[in-house]
Amino acid sequence: MRTIVMTSMSLSLFFIARGCSRQVREGFDIASRRPESPPVIEITPLEQSGAQWKIAARNAVTATVTALGAERVQILGRPEGMEDDYLELRTLARPADRASGRFVTGLNLAPDFAGQIWAEAIYHDGSKKRTETIMLAVDTADAGTPVELDAVGGSVGTDESARSDKLTGGKIGRTKLIAGEPDVRITINAPAFELTLWQNGKEVSVYHVGIGHKDFPLPVGERGATAIIFNPNWVSPDSAWSPRGNSMSPGENVRPNDPRWRLSKIKIPLGAGCMIREAAKADDIGHAVSHGCILMLGADLLDLAEKLVAARNLSVAKSRIARLGYGQERLAAKLDPPVLVDVNYDLQVVEDRVLRLYPDVYDRGAFAIDGLRAELQSAGVATSRLGDRSLRRMLDQVSVGAQFVINVADVKRGRLGRGRKLPLIEDLREISLARGAASRE
């Protein structure tokens, strides 16, 4: 009997020791799996998911981070337009389910938020691992509403620049903005880095812009601008967050004029993460640097906003707009009906009888010689007299930051040597000073 009892005790101790050993081993397994299982972040619900942006139809979303073995998780964000800093949107001190390593929290973002969201998992030994970044855009029901209005001369539905002689008949009409005349359109030719404001089919203003880089190209096609937002809230006021290195109170808003960082004071949402906003620095103009946004100098963006407000006869005085630029008042001026924004990608444009060749920013000009020959033929040039070598010489003059310009009459006469390689963008300092002076008049 004694032998049986001793044997039972021995077996019990064996199984207890084995169980403890298995728990320790499982703990080591979790730790050993951590480098092989990087943390993952998921945002729900999403209405659609493109190649670049994840689209949420409402600003209240759920963030789920799976980080096996992590002690805590930080949800981080960088609104579009914030270059060097980021925001701590939420810190989760413990997982909702330790066995699976799932951390779950709700986020309330701004109704027109667009930017990067990611998470950082912190482990017991102090090490950190970061999730992949999600490009998230919150689209309200009317953001980026498609509009079926034509811009100028039939450029809608094509890649043709609205400034092309094929669409304008060879002459661009120009006018000063007329207050209360609501027929305004915006067209952009991405490789020319050029935005044109039109009213009643005539050019009002032309601005140099920056565009999306190759990984986030400016989407070609038509969109509707439904509002101009002054002093936008870039992060929801009820989120507990703080900018990196800056102590902030929960519920405090991110304001564009906050000295701790710099954000655009005006933005014009176009839907799906695309917007017209202020460039972080002047050097962004004339370059492909954004996440699919159209970048403008601050003075240019203010000038464009004032003109749209005046044309649509919105109840926003110019003096109030000036005050908005220095204060913290948030204003969303609704554009109803939406202003059409037509984005084109036209590398070879005959404008006012002058051929302009632009750099192929997104490497889409696989048949550049054929396209150039067709463009010249549309301008009345007998291209049978121009061989591929002559056309190639013109195309080779184009480079990053430079365009090739030649009068069509000189091409007809075979005077290709009269063509000139010119900077794509003029002196931005002079443009900015001129815009500022004009807005003060």
Protein backbone atom coordinates (compact mmCIF):
# COMPACT_ATOMS: atom_id res chain seq x y z
CA MET A 1 0.00 0.00 0.00
CA ARG A 2 2.83 2.35 0.92
CA THR A 3 4.49 1.56 -2.39
CA ILE A 4 1.31 2.48 -4.27
CA VAL A 5 1.00 5.83 -2.43
CA MET A 6 4.64 6.70 -3.11
CA THR A 7 4.20 5.79 -6.75
CA SER A 8 1.09 7.96 -7.03
CA MET A 9 2.88 10.91 -5.44
CA SER A 10 5.80 10.46 -7.80
CA LEU A 11 3.50 10.40 -10.81
CA SER A 12 1.68 13.51 -9.58
CA LEU A 13 4.94 15.39 -9.11
CA PHE A 14 6.04 14.25 -12.56
CA PHE A 15 2.89 15.55 -14.27
CA ILE A 16 3.01 18.84 -12.31
CA ALA A 17 6.64 19.34 -13.27
CA ARG A 18 5.83 18.41 -16.85
CA GLY A 19 2.93 20.89 -16.90
CA CYS A 20 5.10 23.67 -15.49
CA SER A 21 7.78 22.82 -18.01
CA ARG A 22 5.21 23.02 -20.82
CA GLN A 23 3.99 26.45 -19.60
CA VAL A 24 7.54 27.76 -19.44
CA ARG A 25 8.25 26.28 -22.87
CA GLU A 26 5.09 27.87 -24.27
CA GLY A 27 6.21 31.20 -22.82
CA PHE A 28 9.53 30.81 -24.58
CA ASP A 29 7.69 29.77 -27.73
CA ILE A 30 5.64 32.98 -27.65
CA ALA A 31 8.78 35.01 -27.16
CA SER A 32 10.60 33.10 -29.88
CA ARG A 33 7.68 33.55 -32.26
CA ARG A 34 7.59 37.30 -31.76
CA PRO A 35 10.34 38.18 -34.29
CA GLU A 36 8.70 35.86 -36.82
CA SER A 37 5.23 37.30 -36.19
CA PRO A 38 5.42 41.09 -36.55
CA PRO A 39 2.49 43.05 -35.15
CA VAL A 40 -0.41 43.69 -37.50
CA ILE A 41 -2.91 46.57 -37.47
CA GLU A 42 -6.42 46.45 -38.95
CA ILE A 43 -8.95 49.28 -39.29
CA THR A 44 -12.68 48.49 -39.53
CA PRO A 45 -15.15 49.07 -41.03
CA LEU A 46 -13.84 50.00 -44.47
CA GLU A 47 -16.10 50.81 -47.39
CA GLN A 48 -13.49 50.21 -50.04
CA SER A 49 -9.80 49.45 -50.33
CA GLY A 50 -7.79 50.70 -53.27
CA ALA A 51 -4.15 50.10 -54.09
CA GLN A 52 -3.16 53.18 -52.11
CA TRP A 53 -5.83 54.37 -49.69
CA LYS A 54 -8.12 52.50 -47.35
CA ILE A 55 -11.47 54.32 -47.31
CA ALA A 56 -13.74 54.58 -44.25
CA ALA A 57 -17.25 55.94 -44.75
CA ARG A 58 -17.44 57.34 -41.22
CA ASN A 59 -14.97 58.86 -38.80
CA ALA A 60 -15.68 56.39 -35.92
CA VAL A 61 -13.51 53.34 -36.62
CA THR A 62 -12.07 50.41 -34.66
CA ALA A 63 -8.35 49.71 -34.59
CA THR A 64 -7.26 46.14 -33.84
CA VAL A 65 -3.58 45.37 -33.30
CA THR A 66 -2.40 41.77 -33.06
CA ALA A 67 0.95 41.69 -31.26
CA LEU A 68 1.62 38.36 -29.55
CA GLY A 69 3.59 38.81 -26.34
CA ALA A 70 3.39 42.62 -26.32
CA GLU A 71 2.88 44.41 -23.01
CA ARG A 72 1.28 47.51 -24.53
CA VAL A 73 0.55 49.13 -27.88
CA GLN A 74 0.55 52.70 -29.17
CA ILE A 75 -1.66 53.74 -32.10
CA LEU A 76 0.14 56.46 -34.05
CA GLY A 77 -0.88 58.75 -36.90
CA ARG A 78 0.47 61.34 -39.28
CA PRO A 79 -2.17 63.52 -41.00
CA GLU A 80 -1.48 64.29 -44.65
CA GLY A 81 0.57 67.47 -44.62
CA MET A 82 2.49 66.73 -41.43
CA GLU A 83 5.99 66.00 -42.64
CA ASP A 84 8.38 65.29 -39.75
CA ASP A 85 6.21 64.58 -36.71
CA TYR A 86 3.43 62.23 -35.75
CA LEU A 87 0.61 61.99 -33.22
CA GLU A 88 -0.01 59.48 -30.47
CA LEU A 89 -3.67 58.68 -31.05
CA ARG A 90 -4.11 56.08 -28.32
CA THR A 91 -2.02 54.00 -25.87
CA LEU A 92 -3.38 50.57 -24.88
CA ALA A 93 -1.91 49.34 -21.59
CA ARG A 94 -3.05 45.72 -21.91
CA PRO A 95 -4.40 43.38 -24.59
CA ALA A 96 -8.09 42.60 -24.78
CA ASP A 97 -7.10 38.96 -25.29
CA ARG A 98 -3.62 38.01 -24.07
CA ALA A 99 -3.67 34.55 -25.61
CA SER A 100 -4.06 35.96 -29.12
CA GLY A 101 -2.25 39.23 -28.41
CA ARG A 102 -5.19 41.33 -29.64
CA PHE A 103 -5.42 44.99 -28.62
CA VAL A 104 -8.69 46.72 -29.57
CA THR A 105 -9.75 50.37 -29.37
CA GLY A 106 -12.11 52.84 -31.00
CA LEU A 107 -10.80 55.93 -32.79
CA ASN A 108 -12.75 59.06 -33.60
CA LEU A 109 -11.03 60.79 -36.49
CA ALA A 110 -11.88 64.08 -38.17
CA PRO A 111 -14.72 63.68 -40.72
CA ASP A 112 -12.30 64.50 -43.55
CA PHE A 113 -9.19 62.87 -42.09
CA ALA A 114 -6.56 61.62 -44.51
CA GLY A 115 -3.18 60.34 -43.46
CA GLN A 116 -1.06 57.47 -42.18
CA ILE A 117 -2.05 55.20 -39.29
CA TRP A 118 0.23 52.59 -37.75
CA ALA A 119 0.94 50.95 -34.39
CA GLU A 120 4.00 50.24 -32.29
CA ALA A 121 4.10 47.21 -29.98
CA ILE A 122 6.23 47.40 -26.82
CA TYR A 123 7.43 44.13 -25.29
CA HIS A 124 8.49 43.07 -21.76
CA ASP A 125 12.20 43.41 -22.55
CA GLY A 126 11.70 47.00 -23.78
CA SER A 127 11.99 46.14 -27.45
CA LYS A 128 9.57 47.66 -29.96
CA LYS A 129 8.15 46.51 -33.25
CA ARG A 130 6.12 48.56 -35.72
CA THR A 131 3.22 47.47 -37.91
CA GLU A 132 2.91 48.31 -41.56
CA THR A 133 1.44 51.73 -42.29
CA ILE A 134 -2.17 52.10 -43.41
CA MET A 135 -3.04 55.04 -45.65
CA LEU A 136 -6.50 55.87 -44.30
CA ALA A 137 -9.00 58.40 -45.62
CA VAL A 138 -12.37 59.18 -44.10
CA ASP A 139 -14.90 60.02 -46.80
CA THR A 140 -18.18 61.57 -45.76
CA ALA A 141 -21.18 60.90 -48.00
CA ASP A 142 -20.62 63.94 -50.20
CA ALA A 143 -16.82 64.07 -50.29
CA GLY A 144 -15.40 63.90 -53.79
CA THR A 145 -18.83 63.80 -55.40
CA PRO A 146 -18.48 63.14 -59.15
CA VAL A 147 -19.86 65.91 -61.34
CA GLU A 148 -20.83 65.61 -64.98
CA LEU A 149 -20.02 69.20 -65.94
CA ASP A 150 -17.47 69.86 -68.67
CA ALA A 151 -14.44 71.96 -67.82
CA VAL A 152 -13.22 73.72 -70.94
CA GLY A 153 -13.62 72.58 -74.52
CA GLY A 154 -14.26 68.91 -73.78
CA SER A 155 -11.32 67.88 -71.59
CA VAL A 156 -13.53 65.78 -69.32
CA GLY A 157 -13.09 62.07 -69.97
CA THR A 158 -9.74 62.58 -71.73
CA ASP A 159 -6.08 62.97 -70.81
CA GLU A 160 -5.90 66.14 -72.89
CA SER A 161 -4.79 69.32 -71.15
CA ALA A 162 -7.69 71.77 -70.99
CA ARG A 163 -5.20 74.37 -72.30
CA SER A 164 -4.58 72.48 -75.55
CA ASP A 165 -5.34 74.24 -78.84
CA LYS A 166 -7.32 71.14 -79.80
CA LEU A 167 -9.85 72.09 -77.12
CA THR A 168 -9.60 75.89 -77.01
CA GLY A 169 -9.50 76.48 -80.76
CA GLY A 170 -6.01 77.95 -80.60
CA LYS A 171 -6.64 80.83 -78.22
CA ILE A 172 -7.23 80.83 -74.47
CA GLY A 173 -9.64 83.52 -73.39
CA ARG A 174 -8.60 85.31 -70.20
CA THR A 175 -10.58 87.27 -67.65
CA LYS A 176 -10.46 88.70 -64.16
CA LEU A 177 -12.70 86.88 -61.75
CA ILE A 178 -16.28 88.13 -61.74
CA ALA A 179 -17.92 87.92 -58.32
CA GLY A 180 -21.24 86.11 -58.33
CA GLU A 181 -20.59 84.23 -61.58
CA PRO A 182 -20.72 80.62 -60.30
CA ASP A 183 -19.47 78.77 -63.40
CA VAL A 184 -15.94 78.05 -62.16
CA ARG A 185 -13.80 74.99 -62.93
CA ILE A 186 -10.35 73.77 -61.92
CA THR A 187 -8.13 71.81 -64.29
CA ILE A 188 -4.71 70.34 -63.58
CA ASN A 189 -2.14 68.97 -65.97
CA ALA A 190 0.00 66.80 -63.70
CA PRO A 191 3.29 66.65 -65.71
CA ALA A 192 3.14 70.43 -66.22
CA PHE A 193 2.66 70.92 -62.46
CA GLU A 194 0.04 73.48 -63.40
CA LEU A 195 -3.42 74.24 -62.00
CA THR A 196 -5.79 76.55 -63.90
CA LEU A 197 -8.88 78.24 -62.52
CA TRP A 198 -11.50 78.93 -65.21
CA GLN A 199 -14.66 81.01 -65.13
CA ASN A 200 -17.23 80.87 -67.90
CA GLY A 201 -14.68 79.00 -70.04
CA LYS A 202 -11.95 81.64 -69.64
CA GLU A 203 -8.70 81.48 -67.72
CA VAL A 204 -8.72 83.41 -64.43
CA SER A 205 -5.47 82.25 -62.79
CA VAL A 206 -2.68 79.74 -63.30
CA TYR A 207 -0.75 78.30 -60.35
CA HIS A 208 2.29 76.04 -60.07
CA VAL A 209 1.63 72.97 -57.92
CA GLY A 210 3.22 69.85 -56.48
CA ILE A 211 1.70 66.42 -57.12
CA GLY A 212 1.75 62.86 -55.80
CA HIS A 213 4.95 60.84 -56.06
CA LYS A 214 5.18 57.68 -58.15
CA ASP A 215 3.91 55.39 -55.40
CA PHE A 216 0.89 57.67 -54.86
CA PRO A 217 0.30 59.26 -58.28
CA LEU A 218 -2.22 62.05 -58.62
CA PRO A 219 -5.39 60.25 -59.81
CA VAL A 220 -6.34 61.26 -63.35
CA GLY A 221 -10.01 61.98 -63.91
CA GLU A 222 -12.82 64.17 -62.62
CA ARG A 223 -13.67 64.90 -59.01
CA GLY A 224 -15.96 67.32 -57.22
CA ALA A 225 -14.76 69.80 -54.59
CA THR A 226 -17.63 70.13 -52.13
CA ALA A 227 -16.09 72.50 -49.57
CA ILE A 228 -13.23 74.81 -48.70
CA ILE A 229 -12.15 74.15 -45.12
CA PHE A 230 -10.32 76.91 -43.26
CA ASN A 231 -8.35 75.91 -40.14
CA PRO A 232 -9.27 72.23 -40.49
CA ASN A 233 -9.25 69.88 -37.50
CA TRP A 234 -6.79 67.21 -38.51
CA VAL A 235 -7.55 64.86 -35.61
CA SER A 236 -10.76 64.24 -33.71
CA PRO A 237 -11.20 66.42 -30.59
CA ASP A 238 -12.24 63.50 -28.38
CA SER A 239 -9.21 61.33 -28.99
CA ALA A 240 -6.55 61.05 -26.30
CA TRP A 241 -3.38 61.82 -28.20
CA SER A 242 -0.29 63.97 -28.22
CA PRO A 243 2.35 64.93 -30.77
CA ARG A 244 5.65 63.14 -30.29
CA GLY A 245 7.76 65.05 -27.80
CA ASN A 246 4.95 67.45 -26.86
CA SER A 247 2.66 67.03 -23.88
CA MET A 248 -0.96 67.68 -24.88
CA SER A 249 -4.22 67.44 -22.97
CA PRO A 250 -6.76 64.82 -24.07
CA GLY A 251 -9.35 66.47 -26.25
CA GLU A 252 -7.06 69.25 -27.49
CA ASN A 253 -7.38 70.02 -31.20
CA VAL A 254 -4.55 70.08 -33.70
CA ARG A 255 -4.53 73.61 -35.10
CA PRO A 256 -2.63 74.67 -38.23
CA ASN A 257 -1.08 77.70 -36.48
CA ASP A 258 0.15 75.75 -33.45
CA PRO A 259 3.89 76.59 -33.11
CA ARG A 260 4.76 72.98 -32.28
CA TRP A 261 4.18 71.81 -35.85
CA ARG A 262 2.95 73.09 -39.18
CA LEU A 263 -0.16 72.00 -41.06
CA SER A 264 -2.09 73.46 -43.96
CA LYS A 265 -4.49 76.20 -42.89
CA ILE A 266 -6.74 75.53 -45.87
CA LYS A 267 -7.69 72.29 -47.55
CA ILE A 268 -10.13 71.42 -50.30
CA PRO A 269 -11.07 67.72 -50.01
CA LEU A 270 -11.58 65.84 -53.27
CA GLY A 271 -12.36 62.43 -51.79
CA ALA A 272 -10.45 59.15 -51.33
CA GLY A 273 -7.54 60.84 -49.57
CA CYS A 274 -6.98 63.37 -52.35
CA MET A 275 -7.11 67.07 -51.52
CA ILE A 276 -5.75 70.46 -52.49
CA ARG A 277 -3.61 71.65 -49.59
CA GLU A 278 -0.68 73.86 -48.72
CA ALA A 279 2.80 72.55 -49.45
CA ALA A 280 5.01 72.00 -46.42
CA LYS A 281 7.84 73.84 -48.16
CA ALA A 282 8.30 75.82 -51.36
CA ASP A 283 10.58 73.15 -52.84
CA ASP A 284 7.60 70.76 -53.01
CA ILE A 285 6.16 72.84 -55.85
CA GLY A 286 7.17 71.40 -59.20
CA HIS A 287 7.94 68.01 -57.67
CA ALA A 288 6.13 64.70 -57.20
CA VAL A 289 6.27 64.37 -53.42
CA SER A 290 2.77 64.02 -51.91
CA HIS A 291 0.48 61.05 -51.19
CA GLY A 292 -1.75 61.83 -54.15
CA CYS A 293 -2.53 65.42 -53.11
CA ILE A 294 -2.24 68.70 -55.00
CA LEU A 295 0.17 71.04 -53.22
CA MET A 296 0.11 74.83 -53.49
CA LEU A 297 2.04 77.73 -52.02
CA GLY A 298 0.15 79.17 -49.05
CA ALA A 299 -0.46 82.50 -50.79
CA ASP A 300 -1.66 80.73 -53.94
CA LEU A 301 -4.05 78.50 -52.00
CA LEU A 302 -5.48 81.51 -50.19
CA ASP A 303 -5.87 83.31 -53.52
CA LEU A 304 -7.68 80.30 -55.04
CA ALA A 305 -9.96 79.99 -52.01
CA GLU A 306 -10.88 83.68 -52.11
CA LYS A 307 -11.72 83.46 -55.80
CA LEU A 308 -13.92 80.39 -55.36
CA VAL A 309 -15.75 82.05 -52.45
CA ALA A 310 -16.32 85.22 -54.49
CA ALA A 311 -17.47 83.37 -57.62
CA ARG A 312 -19.96 81.27 -55.69
CA ASN A 313 -21.10 84.34 -53.73
CA LEU A 314 -20.64 82.54 -50.43
CA SER A 315 -21.40 84.49 -47.30
CA VAL A 316 -17.75 84.78 -46.28
CA ALA A 317 -16.25 88.27 -46.44
CA LYS A 318 -12.70 88.63 -47.75
CA SER A 319 -11.76 90.36 -44.49
CA ARG A 320 -13.00 87.33 -42.55
CA ILE A 321 -10.94 85.00 -44.74
CA ALA A 322 -7.88 87.12 -43.92
CA ARG A 323 -8.65 86.79 -40.20
CA LEU A 324 -9.07 83.05 -40.58
CA GLY A 325 -5.48 82.90 -41.79
CA TYR A 326 -4.22 84.17 -38.44
CA GLY A 327 -6.82 82.86 -36.01
CA GLN A 328 -8.21 79.48 -34.95
CA GLU A 329 -11.80 79.76 -36.16
CA ARG A 330 -12.78 76.72 -38.19
CA LEU A 331 -14.98 77.32 -41.21
CA ALA A 332 -16.23 74.91 -43.86
CA ALA A 333 -17.54 76.89 -46.84
CA LYS A 334 -19.81 74.54 -48.77
CA LEU A 335 -19.56 74.45 -52.57
CA ASP A 336 -22.98 73.54 -53.93
CA PRO A 337 -23.00 72.40 -56.65
CA PRO A 338 -19.48 70.97 -56.36
CA VAL A 339 -16.67 72.64 -58.28
CA LEU A 340 -15.36 70.30 -60.96
CA VAL A 341 -11.67 69.42 -60.61
CA ASP A 342 -10.41 67.73 -63.79
CA VAL A 343 -6.96 66.12 -63.55
CA ASN A 344 -5.18 65.34 -66.83
CA TYR A 345 -1.85 63.74 -67.78
CA ASP A 346 -0.79 65.38 -71.03
CA LEU A 347 2.93 65.28 -71.84
CA GLN A 348 2.82 67.08 -75.19
CA VAL A 349 0.62 70.15 -75.50
CA VAL A 350 0.26 72.72 -78.29
CA GLU A 351 -0.95 75.80 -76.43
CA ASP A 352 -1.43 79.16 -78.15
CA ARG A 353 0.50 77.77 -81.16
CA VAL A 354 3.48 76.82 -78.97
CA LEU A 355 4.52 73.20 -78.46
CA ARG A 356 5.35 72.38 -74.84
CA LEU A 357 6.92 69.04 -73.90
CA TYR A 358 6.77 68.08 -70.22
CA PRO A 359 8.69 65.45 -68.19
CA ASP A 360 7.05 62.03 -67.95
CA VAL A 361 6.76 62.07 -64.15
CA TYR A 362 4.99 58.71 -63.88
CA ASP A 363 6.79 56.96 -66.77
CA ARG A 364 3.62 56.58 -68.82
CA GLY A 365 4.89 57.80 -72.20
CA ALA A 366 5.75 54.44 -73.74
CA PHE A 367 4.88 55.74 -77.23
CA ALA A 368 6.21 59.27 -76.86
CA ILE A 369 7.35 59.65 -80.50
CA ASP A 370 3.98 58.52 -81.85
CA GLY A 371 2.21 60.86 -79.44
CA LEU A 372 4.39 63.81 -80.43
CA ARG A 373 3.82 63.16 -84.13
CA ALA A 374 0.04 63.05 -83.55
CA GLU A 375 0.15 66.28 -81.50
CA LEU A 376 2.03 68.10 -84.26
CA GLN A 377 -0.31 66.76 -86.93
CA SER A 378 -3.26 68.16 -84.99
CA ALA A 379 -1.51 71.54 -85.13
CA GLY A 380 -1.18 71.38 -88.92
CA VAL A 381 2.43 70.18 -89.13
CA ALA A 382 3.22 67.75 -91.97
CA THR A 383 5.15 65.30 -89.83
CA SER A 384 6.12 63.18 -92.80
CA ARG A 385 9.01 65.65 -93.11
CA LEU A 386 10.03 64.97 -89.49
CA GLY A 387 11.88 61.71 -88.90
CA ASP A 388 12.00 59.84 -85.62
CA ARG A 389 15.49 61.21 -85.00
CA SER A 390 14.27 64.83 -85.11
CA LEU A 391 11.35 64.06 -82.82
CA ARG A 392 13.63 62.18 -80.44
CA ARG A 393 15.99 65.15 -80.24
CA MET A 394 13.11 67.32 -79.05
CA LEU A 395 11.99 64.76 -76.50
CA ASP A 396 15.54 64.36 -75.19
CA GLN A 397 15.58 68.04 -74.22
CA VAL A 398 13.02 67.32 -71.50
CA SER A 399 14.27 66.40 -68.04
CA VAL A 400 13.21 66.58 -64.42
CA GLY A 401 12.41 70.22 -63.72
CA ALA A 402 12.77 71.25 -67.38
CA GLN A 403 10.43 71.52 -70.36
CA PHE A 404 11.11 71.95 -74.07
CA VAL A 405 9.30 74.82 -75.81
CA ILE A 406 9.16 75.66 -79.53
CA ASN A 407 6.86 77.69 -81.72
CA VAL A 408 4.78 75.50 -84.05
CA ALA A 409 5.64 77.82 -86.95
CA ASP A 410 9.34 77.01 -86.44
CA VAL A 411 8.59 73.28 -86.45
CA LYS A 412 6.74 73.67 -89.77
CA ARG A 413 9.78 75.37 -91.29
CA GLY A 414 12.16 72.78 -89.90
CA ARG A 415 13.83 75.30 -87.57
CA LEU A 416 14.09 72.92 -84.64
CA GLY A 417 17.18 74.72 -83.39
CA ARG A 418 14.93 77.55 -82.25
CA GLY A 419 13.44 75.38 -79.55
CA ARG A 420 14.43 76.15 -75.96
CA LYS A 421 14.89 74.12 -72.81
CA LEU A 422 13.25 76.14 -70.00
CA PRO A 423 12.75 75.65 -66.26
CA LEU A 424 9.46 73.96 -65.54
CA ILE A 425 8.76 76.27 -62.60
CA GLU A 426 9.45 79.98 -62.36
CA ASP A 427 11.06 81.69 -59.36
CA LEU A 428 8.72 80.69 -56.53
CA ARG A 429 9.84 83.49 -54.23
CA GLU A 430 8.85 86.11 -56.79
CA ILE A 431 5.50 84.37 -57.39
CA SER A 432 4.77 84.19 -53.66
CA LEU A 433 5.62 87.87 -53.13
CA ALA A 434 3.47 88.87 -56.10
CA ARG A 435 0.50 86.83 -54.84
CA GLY A 436 0.86 88.32 -51.37
CA ALA A 437 0.97 91.86 -52.73
CA ALA A 438 -2.08 91.25 -54.94
CA SER A 439 -4.11 89.81 -52.05
CA ARG A 440 -3.41 92.90 -49.95
CA GLU A 441 -4.66 95.30 -52.63
